[in-house]
């Protein structure tokens, strides 16, 4: 998968994080082979640092990719985007 975009599903990330998971070794090996994909790597490290803030790995990956692409607005009800300084197009207040 050299250089091709890869979608990260929750099952892959859970296997990567849980050393007791039956798929942990395979997930870890694949993760290392995808190390060239800096977006996932940066997001994963940031997620590990801010787990106490209740942001998901998906949120952090989104924030990182949005910043890289210069995207300032998000079509979301998720208040975490506003907390990160993005403009949300949708409001939880209706």
PDB file of N, CA and C in Angstrom:
ATOM      1  N   UNK A   1       0.817  -1.201   0.000  1.00  0.00           N
ATOM      2  CA  UNK A   1       0.000   0.000   0.000  1.00  0.00           C
ATOM      3  C   UNK A   1       0.855   1.257   0.000  1.00  0.00           C
ATOM      4  N   UNK A   2       1.988   1.224  -0.573  1.00  0.00           N
ATOM      5  CA  UNK A   2       2.907   2.351  -0.526  1.00  0.00           C
ATOM      6  C   UNK A   2       2.310   3.596  -1.161  1.00  0.00           C
ATOM      7  N   UNK A   3       2.124   4.631  -0.347  1.00  0.00           N
ATOM      8  CA  UNK A   3       1.651   5.908  -0.834  1.00  0.00           C
ATOM      9  C   UNK A   3       0.158   6.025  -1.069  1.00  0.00           C
ATOM     10  N   UNK A   4      -0.573   4.933  -1.031  1.00  0.00           N
ATOM     11  CA  UNK A   4      -2.013   4.983  -1.259  1.00  0.00           C
ATOM     12  C   UNK A   4      -2.731   5.380   0.032  1.00  0.00           C
ATOM     13  N   UNK A   5      -3.822   6.152  -0.080  1.00  0.00           N
ATOM     14  CA  UNK A   5      -4.597   6.491   1.117  1.00  0.00           C
ATOM     15  C   UNK A   5      -5.178   5.234   1.754  1.00  0.00           C
ATOM     16  N   UNK A   6      -5.230   5.222   3.060  1.00  0.00           N
ATOM     17  CA  UNK A   6      -5.778   4.085   3.801  1.00  0.00           C
ATOM     18  C   UNK A   6      -6.779   4.617   4.812  1.00  0.00           C
ATOM     19  N   UNK A   7      -7.989   4.065   4.799  1.00  0.00           N
ATOM     20  CA  UNK A   7      -8.994   4.424   5.794  1.00  0.00           C
ATOM     21  C   UNK A   7      -8.727   3.617   7.058  1.00  0.00           C
ATOM     22  N   UNK A   8      -8.694   4.276   8.205  1.00  0.00           N
ATOM     23  CA  UNK A   8      -8.460   3.587   9.468  1.00  0.00           C
ATOM     24  C   UNK A   8      -9.757   3.296  10.196  1.00  0.00           C
ATOM     25  N   UNK A   9     -10.153   2.045  10.249  1.00  0.00           N
ATOM     26  CA  UNK A   9     -11.360   1.628  10.958  1.00  0.00           C
ATOM     27  C   UNK A   9     -11.041   1.402  12.434  1.00  0.00           C
ATOM     28  N   UNK A  10     -12.048   1.552  13.269  1.00  0.00           N
ATOM     29  CA  UNK A  10     -11.886   1.367  14.706  1.00  0.00           C
ATOM     30  C   UNK A  10     -11.294   0.004  15.054  1.00  0.00           C
ATOM     31  N   UNK A  11     -11.700  -1.045  14.356  1.00  0.00           N
ATOM     32  CA  UNK A  11     -11.206  -2.391  14.689  1.00  0.00           C
ATOM     33  C   UNK A  11      -9.692  -2.486  14.530  1.00  0.00           C
ATOM     34  N   UNK A  12      -9.157  -1.817  13.530  1.00  0.00           N
ATOM     35  CA  UNK A  12      -7.709  -1.820  13.339  1.00  0.00           C
ATOM     36  C   UNK A  12      -6.992  -1.086  14.450  1.00  0.00           C
ATOM     37  N   UNK A  13      -7.535   0.079  14.844  1.00  0.00           N
ATOM     38  CA  UNK A  13      -6.910   0.851  15.910  1.00  0.00           C
ATOM     39  C   UNK A  13      -7.016   0.149  17.262  1.00  0.00           C
ATOM     40  N   UNK A  14      -8.159  -0.497  17.518  1.00  0.00           N
ATOM     41  CA  UNK A  14      -8.300  -1.237  18.772  1.00  0.00           C
ATOM     42  C   UNK A  14      -7.295  -2.388  18.844  1.00  0.00           C
ATOM     43  N   UNK A  15      -7.130  -3.092  17.732  1.00  0.00           N
ATOM     44  CA  UNK A  15      -6.141  -4.180  17.696  1.00  0.00           C
ATOM     45  C   UNK A  15      -4.737  -3.633  17.895  1.00  0.00           C
ATOM     46  N   UNK A  16      -4.469  -2.470  17.352  1.00  0.00           N
ATOM     47  CA  UNK A  16      -3.154  -1.849  17.503  1.00  0.00           C
ATOM     48  C   UNK A  16      -2.882  -1.472  18.960  1.00  0.00           C
ATOM     49  N   UNK A  17      -3.889  -0.956  19.645  1.00  0.00           N
ATOM     50  CA  UNK A  17      -3.721  -0.481  21.017  1.00  0.00           C
ATOM     51  C   UNK A  17      -3.769  -1.585  22.073  1.00  0.00           C
ATOM     52  N   UNK A  18      -4.521  -2.636  21.805  1.00  0.00           N
ATOM     53  CA  UNK A  18      -4.725  -3.709  22.785  1.00  0.00           C
ATOM     54  C   UNK A  18      -3.723  -4.843  22.534  1.00  0.00           C
ATOM     55  N   UNK A  19      -2.698  -4.919  23.360  1.00  0.00           N
ATOM     56  CA  UNK A  19      -1.656  -5.934  23.160  1.00  0.00           C
ATOM     57  C   UNK A  19      -2.180  -7.353  23.339  1.00  0.00           C
ATOM     58  N   UNK A  20      -3.348  -7.513  23.971  1.00  0.00           N
ATOM     59  CA  UNK A  20      -3.943  -8.840  24.139  1.00  0.00           C
ATOM     60  C   UNK A  20      -4.866  -9.225  22.978  1.00  0.00           C
ATOM     61  N   UNK A  21      -5.115  -8.293  22.077  1.00  0.00           N
ATOM     62  CA  UNK A  21      -5.993  -8.565  20.936  1.00  0.00           C
ATOM     63  C   UNK A  21      -5.366  -9.614  20.028  1.00  0.00           C
ATOM     64  N   UNK A  22      -6.166 -10.525  19.518  1.00  0.00           N
ATOM     65  CA  UNK A  22      -5.682 -11.602  18.668  1.00  0.00           C
ATOM     66  C   UNK A  22      -5.030 -11.054  17.392  1.00  0.00           C
ATOM     67  N   UNK A  23      -5.430  -9.868  16.961  1.00  0.00           N
ATOM     68  CA  UNK A  23      -4.888  -9.269  15.747  1.00  0.00           C
ATOM     69  C   UNK A  23      -3.816  -8.216  16.020  1.00  0.00           C
ATOM     70  N   UNK A  24      -3.384  -8.083  17.272  1.00  0.00           N
ATOM     71  CA  UNK A  24      -2.420  -7.035  17.619  1.00  0.00           C
ATOM     72  C   UNK A  24      -1.136  -7.105  16.790  1.00  0.00           C
ATOM     73  N   UNK A  25      -0.542  -8.259  16.672  1.00  0.00           N
ATOM     74  CA  UNK A  25       0.727  -8.387  15.935  1.00  0.00           C
ATOM     75  C   UNK A  25       0.571  -7.984  14.477  1.00  0.00           C
ATOM     76  N   UNK A  26      -0.500  -8.421  13.853  1.00  0.00           N
ATOM     77  CA  UNK A  26      -0.740  -8.076  12.452  1.00  0.00           C
ATOM     78  C   UNK A  26      -0.986  -6.579  12.296  1.00  0.00           C
ATOM     79  N   UNK A  27      -1.768  -6.000  13.224  1.00  0.00           N
ATOM     80  CA  UNK A  27      -2.049  -4.566  13.166  1.00  0.00           C
ATOM     81  C   UNK A  27      -0.776  -3.747  13.369  1.00  0.00           C
ATOM     82  N   UNK A  28       0.044  -4.167  14.320  1.00  0.00           N
ATOM     83  CA  UNK A  28       1.294  -3.463  14.589  1.00  0.00           C
ATOM     84  C   UNK A  28       2.240  -3.529  13.389  1.00  0.00           C
ATOM     85  N   UNK A  29       2.348  -4.700  12.781  1.00  0.00           N
ATOM     86  CA  UNK A  29       3.225  -4.861  11.609  1.00  0.00           C
ATOM     87  C   UNK A  29       2.751  -3.977  10.458  1.00  0.00           C
ATOM     88  N   UNK A  30       1.450  -3.954  10.221  1.00  0.00           N
ATOM     89  CA  UNK A  30       0.918  -3.125   9.129  1.00  0.00           C
ATOM     90  C   UNK A  30       1.089  -1.645   9.439  1.00  0.00           C
ATOM     91  N   UNK A  31       0.866  -1.272  10.699  1.00  0.00           N
ATOM     92  CA  UNK A  31       1.031   0.125  11.118  1.00  0.00           C
ATOM     93  C   UNK A  31       2.465   0.590  10.842  1.00  0.00           C
ATOM     94  N   UNK A  32       3.410  -0.246  11.193  1.00  0.00           N
ATOM     95  CA  UNK A  32       4.816   0.112  10.962  1.00  0.00           C
ATOM     96  C   UNK A  32       5.112   0.239   9.475  1.00  0.00           C
ATOM     97  N   UNK A  33       4.480  -0.598   8.654  1.00  0.00           N
ATOM     98  CA  UNK A  33       4.726  -0.529   7.215  1.00  0.00           C
ATOM     99  C   UNK A  33       4.083   0.718   6.598  1.00  0.00           C
ATOM    100  N   UNK A  34       3.086   1.269   7.279  1.00  0.00           N
ATOM    101  CA  UNK A  34       2.437   2.482   6.788  1.00  0.00           C
ATOM    102  C   UNK A  34       3.041   3.740   7.401  1.00  0.00           C
ATOM    103  N   UNK A  35       4.167   3.615   8.080  1.00  0.00           N
ATOM    104  CA  UNK A  35       4.760   4.747   8.797  1.00  0.00           C
ATOM    105  C   UNK A  35       5.020   5.947   7.902  1.00  0.00           C
ATOM    106  N   UNK A  36       5.100   5.747   6.624  1.00  0.00           N
ATOM    107  CA  UNK A  36       5.305   6.868   5.708  1.00  0.00           C
ATOM    108  C   UNK A  36       4.092   7.787   5.681  1.00  0.00           C
ATOM    109  N   UNK A  37       2.944   7.267   6.072  1.00  0.00           N
ATOM    110  CA  UNK A  37       1.739   8.086   6.097  1.00  0.00           C
ATOM    111  C   UNK A  37       1.737   8.899   7.387  1.00  0.00           C
ATOM    112  N   UNK A  38       2.338  10.064   7.333  1.00  0.00           N
ATOM    113  CA  UNK A  38       2.552  10.894   8.517  1.00  0.00           C
ATOM    114  C   UNK A  38       1.262  11.391   9.163  1.00  0.00           C
ATOM    115  N   UNK A  39       0.190  11.508   8.412  1.00  0.00           N
ATOM    116  CA  UNK A  39      -1.061  12.005   8.972  1.00  0.00           C
ATOM    117  C   UNK A  39      -1.550  11.094  10.084  1.00  0.00           C
ATOM    118  N   UNK A  40      -1.609   9.787   9.823  1.00  0.00           N
ATOM    119  CA  UNK A  40      -2.032   8.836  10.847  1.00  0.00           C
ATOM    120  C   UNK A  40      -1.062   8.828  12.023  1.00  0.00           C
ATOM    121  N   UNK A  41       0.216   8.830  11.720  1.00  0.00           N
ATOM    122  CA  UNK A  41       1.219   8.752  12.778  1.00  0.00           C
ATOM    123  C   UNK A  41       1.129   9.954  13.714  1.00  0.00           C
ATOM    124  N   UNK A  42       1.036  11.167  13.157  1.00  0.00           N
ATOM    125  CA  UNK A  42       0.922  12.380  13.979  1.00  0.00           C
ATOM    126  C   UNK A  42      -0.368  12.346  14.789  1.00  0.00           C
ATOM    127  N   UNK A  43      -1.460  11.989  14.144  1.00  0.00           N
ATOM    128  CA  UNK A  43      -2.748  11.961  14.831  1.00  0.00           C
ATOM    129  C   UNK A  43      -2.741  10.950  15.972  1.00  0.00           C
ATOM    130  N   UNK A  44      -2.154   9.789  15.738  1.00  0.00           N
ATOM    131  CA  UNK A  44      -2.096   8.756  16.763  1.00  0.00           C
ATOM    132  C   UNK A  44      -1.298   9.241  17.980  1.00  0.00           C
ATOM    133  N   UNK A  45      -0.172   9.887  17.739  1.00  0.00           N
ATOM    134  CA  UNK A  45       0.635  10.403  18.845  1.00  0.00           C
ATOM    135  C   UNK A  45      -0.100  11.501  19.603  1.00  0.00           C
ATOM    136  N   UNK A  46      -0.776  12.387  18.879  1.00  0.00           N
ATOM    137  CA  UNK A  46      -1.548  13.445  19.539  1.00  0.00           C
ATOM    138  C   UNK A  46      -2.674  12.841  20.366  1.00  0.00           C
ATOM    139  N   UNK A  47      -3.336  11.819  19.820  1.00  0.00           N
ATOM    140  CA  UNK A  47      -4.431  11.181  20.543  1.00  0.00           C
ATOM    141  C   UNK A  47      -3.927  10.575  21.856  1.00  0.00           C
ATOM    142  N   UNK A  48      -2.770   9.935  21.802  1.00  0.00           N
ATOM    143  CA  UNK A  48      -2.207   9.340  23.012  1.00  0.00           C
ATOM    144  C   UNK A  48      -1.934  10.406  24.064  1.00  0.00           C
ATOM    145  N   UNK A  49      -1.545  11.602  23.644  1.00  0.00           N
ATOM    146  CA  UNK A  49      -1.231  12.679  24.579  1.00  0.00           C
ATOM    147  C   UNK A  49      -2.469  13.328  25.183  1.00  0.00           C
ATOM    148  N   UNK A  50      -3.589  13.324  24.478  1.00  0.00           N
ATOM    149  CA  UNK A  50      -4.774  14.056  24.935  1.00  0.00           C
ATOM    150  C   UNK A  50      -5.963  13.154  25.250  1.00  0.00           C
ATOM    151  N   UNK A  51      -5.745  11.918  25.543  1.00  0.00           N
ATOM    152  CA  UNK A  51      -6.851  10.994  25.816  1.00  0.00           C
ATOM    153  C   UNK A  51      -7.777  11.514  26.904  1.00  0.00           C
ATOM    154  N   UNK A  52      -7.258  12.258  27.868  1.00  0.00           N
ATOM    155  CA  UNK A  52      -8.070  12.738  28.981  1.00  0.00           C
ATOM    156  C   UNK A  52      -9.086  13.801  28.549  1.00  0.00           C
ATOM    157  N   UNK A  53      -8.943  14.361  27.358  1.00  0.00           N
ATOM    158  CA  UNK A  53      -9.864  15.401  26.899  1.00  0.00           C
ATOM    159  C   UNK A  53     -11.086  14.834  26.189  1.00  0.00           C
ATOM    160  N   UNK A  54     -11.213  13.544  26.094  1.00  0.00           N
ATOM    161  CA  UNK A  54     -12.373  12.894  25.480  1.00  0.00           C
ATOM    162  C   UNK A  54     -12.454  13.111  23.970  1.00  0.00           C
ATOM    163  N   UNK A  55     -11.342  13.408  23.321  1.00  0.00           N
ATOM    164  CA  UNK A  55     -11.338  13.504  21.861  1.00  0.00           C
ATOM    165  C   UNK A  55     -10.997  12.138  21.310  1.00  0.00           C
ATOM    166  N   UNK A  56     -11.701  11.744  20.275  1.00  0.00           N
ATOM    167  CA  UNK A  56     -11.445  10.448  19.665  1.00  0.00           C
ATOM    168  C   UNK A  56     -10.271  10.545  18.697  1.00  0.00           C
ATOM    169  N   UNK A  57      -9.726   9.390  18.369  1.00  0.00           N
ATOM    170  CA  UNK A  57      -8.663   9.347  17.366  1.00  0.00           C
ATOM    171  C   UNK A  57      -9.187   9.867  16.030  1.00  0.00           C
ATOM    172  N   UNK A  58     -10.444   9.590  15.728  1.00  0.00           N
ATOM    173  CA  UNK A  58     -11.049  10.085  14.488  1.00  0.00           C
ATOM    174  C   UNK A  58     -11.083  11.616  14.505  1.00  0.00           C
ATOM    175  N   UNK A  59     -11.502  12.214  15.635  1.00  0.00           N
ATOM    176  CA  UNK A  59     -11.514  13.675  15.743  1.00  0.00           C
ATOM    177  C   UNK A  59     -10.117  14.245  15.516  1.00  0.00           C
ATOM    178  N   UNK A  60      -9.141  13.710  16.199  1.00  0.00           N
ATOM    179  CA  UNK A  60      -7.779  14.247  16.110  1.00  0.00           C
ATOM    180  C   UNK A  60      -7.222  14.084  14.703  1.00  0.00           C
ATOM    181  N   UNK A  61      -7.512  12.962  14.067  1.00  0.00           N
ATOM    182  CA  UNK A  61      -7.081  12.773  12.680  1.00  0.00           C
ATOM    183  C   UNK A  61      -7.748  13.818  11.790  1.00  0.00           C
ATOM    184  N   UNK A  62      -9.034  14.061  12.024  1.00  0.00           N
ATOM    185  CA  UNK A  62      -9.760  15.067  11.251  1.00  0.00           C
ATOM    186  C   UNK A  62      -9.153  16.450  11.450  1.00  0.00           C
ATOM    187  N   UNK A  63      -8.884  16.830  12.709  1.00  0.00           N
ATOM    188  CA  UNK A  63      -8.292  18.139  12.994  1.00  0.00           C
ATOM    189  C   UNK A  63      -6.960  18.299  12.266  1.00  0.00           C
ATOM    190  N   UNK A  64      -6.127  17.289  12.369  1.00  0.00           N
ATOM    191  CA  UNK A  64      -4.798  17.339  11.772  1.00  0.00           C
ATOM    192  C   UNK A  64      -4.886  17.461  10.247  1.00  0.00           C
ATOM    193  N   UNK A  65      -5.722  16.635   9.640  1.00  0.00           N
ATOM    194  CA  UNK A  65      -5.869  16.670   8.179  1.00  0.00           C
ATOM    195  C   UNK A  65      -6.480  17.990   7.718  1.00  0.00           C
ATOM    196  N   UNK A  66      -7.450  18.513   8.473  1.00  0.00           N
ATOM    197  CA  UNK A  66      -8.050  19.802   8.118  1.00  0.00           C
ATOM    198  C   UNK A  66      -7.007  20.903   8.156  1.00  0.00           C
ATOM    199  N   UNK A  67      -6.178  20.902   9.180  1.00  0.00           N
ATOM    200  CA  UNK A  67      -5.130  21.925   9.269  1.00  0.00           C
ATOM    201  C   UNK A  67      -4.145  21.802   8.111  1.00  0.00           C
ATOM    202  N   UNK A  68      -3.766  20.575   7.778  1.00  0.00           N
ATOM    203  CA  UNK A  68      -2.839  20.369   6.665  1.00  0.00           C
ATOM    204  C   UNK A  68      -3.416  20.879   5.353  1.00  0.00           C
ATOM    205  N   UNK A  69      -4.709  20.733   5.167  1.00  0.00           N
ATOM    206  CA  UNK A  69      -5.363  21.133   3.913  1.00  0.00           C
ATOM    207  C   UNK A  69      -5.870  22.576   3.945  1.00  0.00           C
ATOM    208  N   UNK A  70      -5.719  23.251   5.087  1.00  0.00           N
ATOM    209  CA  UNK A  70      -6.187  24.629   5.206  1.00  0.00           C
ATOM    210  C   UNK A  70      -7.692  24.756   5.298  1.00  0.00           C
ATOM    211  N   UNK A  71      -8.365  23.709   5.755  1.00  0.00           N
ATOM    212  CA  UNK A  71      -9.828  23.716   5.887  1.00  0.00           C
ATOM    213  C   UNK A  71     -10.185  24.314   7.242  1.00  0.00           C
ATOM    214  N   UNK A  72     -11.063  25.320   7.243  1.00  0.00           N
ATOM    215  CA  UNK A  72     -11.409  26.008   8.484  1.00  0.00           C
ATOM    216  C   UNK A  72     -12.830  25.738   8.958  1.00  0.00           C
ATOM    217  N   UNK A  73     -13.664  25.132   8.106  1.00  0.00           N
ATOM    218  CA  UNK A  73     -15.056  24.878   8.461  1.00  0.00           C
ATOM    219  C   UNK A  73     -15.373  23.392   8.410  1.00  0.00           C
ATOM    220  N   UNK A  74     -16.241  22.967   9.310  1.00  0.00           N
ATOM    221  CA  UNK A  74     -16.629  21.553   9.359  1.00  0.00           C
ATOM    222  C   UNK A  74     -18.155  21.433   9.368  1.00  0.00           C
ATOM    223  N   UNK A  75     -18.667  20.504   8.606  1.00  0.00           N
ATOM    224  CA  UNK A  75     -20.092  20.187   8.587  1.00  0.00           C
ATOM    225  C   UNK A  75     -20.329  19.164   9.687  1.00  0.00           C
ATOM    226  N   UNK A  76     -20.573  19.655  10.893  1.00  0.00           N
ATOM    227  CA  UNK A  76     -20.653  18.771  12.052  1.00  0.00           C
ATOM    228  C   UNK A  76     -21.462  19.390  13.177  1.00  0.00           C
ATOM    229  N   UNK A  77     -22.001  18.544  14.021  1.00  0.00           N
ATOM    230  CA  UNK A  77     -22.612  18.956  15.282  1.00  0.00           C
ATOM    231  C   UNK A  77     -21.626  18.775  16.438  1.00  0.00           C
ATOM    232  N   UNK A  78     -20.483  18.181  16.182  1.00  0.00           N
ATOM    233  CA  UNK A  78     -19.490  17.835  17.201  1.00  0.00           C
ATOM    234  C   UNK A  78     -18.792  19.100  17.715  1.00  0.00           C
ATOM    235  N   UNK A  79     -19.007  19.441  18.980  1.00  0.00           N
ATOM    236  CA  UNK A  79     -18.434  20.659  19.571  1.00  0.00           C
ATOM    237  C   UNK A  79     -16.914  20.612  19.686  1.00  0.00           C
ATOM    238  N   UNK A  80     -16.321  19.445  19.553  1.00  0.00           N
ATOM    239  CA  UNK A  80     -14.857  19.339  19.627  1.00  0.00           C
ATOM    240  C   UNK A  80     -14.179  20.130  18.516  1.00  0.00           C
ATOM    241  N   UNK A  81     -14.845  20.255  17.370  1.00  0.00           N
ATOM    242  CA  UNK A  81     -14.263  21.021  16.265  1.00  0.00           C
ATOM    243  C   UNK A  81     -14.167  22.499  16.634  1.00  0.00           C
ATOM    244  N   UNK A  82     -15.221  23.034  17.258  1.00  0.00           N
ATOM    245  CA  UNK A  82     -15.198  24.428  17.696  1.00  0.00           C
ATOM    246  C   UNK A  82     -14.142  24.623  18.786  1.00  0.00           C
ATOM    247  N   UNK A  83     -13.997  23.646  19.672  1.00  0.00           N
ATOM    248  CA  UNK A  83     -12.966  23.726  20.714  1.00  0.00           C
ATOM    249  C   UNK A  83     -11.570  23.829  20.114  1.00  0.00           C
ATOM    250  N   UNK A  84     -11.401  23.271  18.932  1.00  0.00           N
ATOM    251  CA  UNK A  84     -10.112  23.307  18.246  1.00  0.00           C
ATOM    252  C   UNK A  84      -9.966  24.537  17.345  1.00  0.00           C
ATOM    253  N   UNK A  85     -10.971  25.414  17.354  1.00  0.00           N
ATOM    254  CA  UNK A  85     -10.880  26.652  16.601  1.00  0.00           C
ATOM    255  C   UNK A  85     -11.469  26.613  15.210  1.00  0.00           C
ATOM    256  N   UNK A  86     -12.139  25.524  14.855  1.00  0.00           N
ATOM    257  CA  UNK A  86     -12.776  25.432  13.541  1.00  0.00           C
ATOM    258  C   UNK A  86     -14.177  26.019  13.605  1.00  0.00           C
ATOM    259  N   UNK A  87     -14.666  26.488  12.489  1.00  0.00           N
ATOM    260  CA  UNK A  87     -16.035  27.001  12.377  1.00  0.00           C
ATOM    261  C   UNK A  87     -16.928  25.793  12.069  1.00  0.00           C
ATOM    262  N   UNK A  88     -17.975  25.620  12.866  1.00  0.00           N
ATOM    263  CA  UNK A  88     -18.908  24.513  12.620  1.00  0.00           C
ATOM    264  C   UNK A  88     -20.117  25.060  11.878  1.00  0.00           C
ATOM    265  N   UNK A  89     -20.488  24.403  10.798  1.00  0.00           N
ATOM    266  CA  UNK A  89     -21.623  24.826   9.965  1.00  0.00           C
ATOM    267  C   UNK A  89     -22.954  24.463  10.589  1.00  0.00           C
ATOM    268  N   UNK A  90     -22.946  23.521  11.506  1.00  0.00           N
ATOM    269  CA  UNK A  90     -24.166  23.063  12.158  1.00  0.00           C
ATOM    270  C   UNK A  90     -24.071  23.390  13.641  1.00  0.00           C
ATOM    271  N   UNK A  91     -25.214  23.583  14.269  1.00  0.00           N
ATOM    272  CA  UNK A  91     -25.243  23.919  15.694  1.00  0.00           C
ATOM    273  C   UNK A  91     -26.060  22.891  16.453  1.00  0.00           C
ATOM    274  N   UNK A  92     -25.608  22.513  17.638  1.00  0.00           N
ATOM    275  CA  UNK A  92     -26.353  21.564  18.474  1.00  0.00           C
ATOM    276  C   UNK A  92     -27.649  22.202  18.966  1.00  0.00           C
ATOM    277  N   UNK A  93     -27.729  23.525  18.899  1.00  0.00           N
ATOM    278  CA  UNK A  93     -28.907  24.240  19.402  1.00  0.00           C
ATOM    279  C   UNK A  93     -30.024  24.308  18.377  1.00  0.00           C
ATOM    280  N   UNK A  94     -29.787  23.770  17.186  1.00  0.00           N
ATOM    281  CA  UNK A  94     -30.834  23.726  16.174  1.00  0.00           C
ATOM    282  C   UNK A  94     -30.730  24.889  15.274  1.00  0.00           C
TER     283      UNK A  94
END
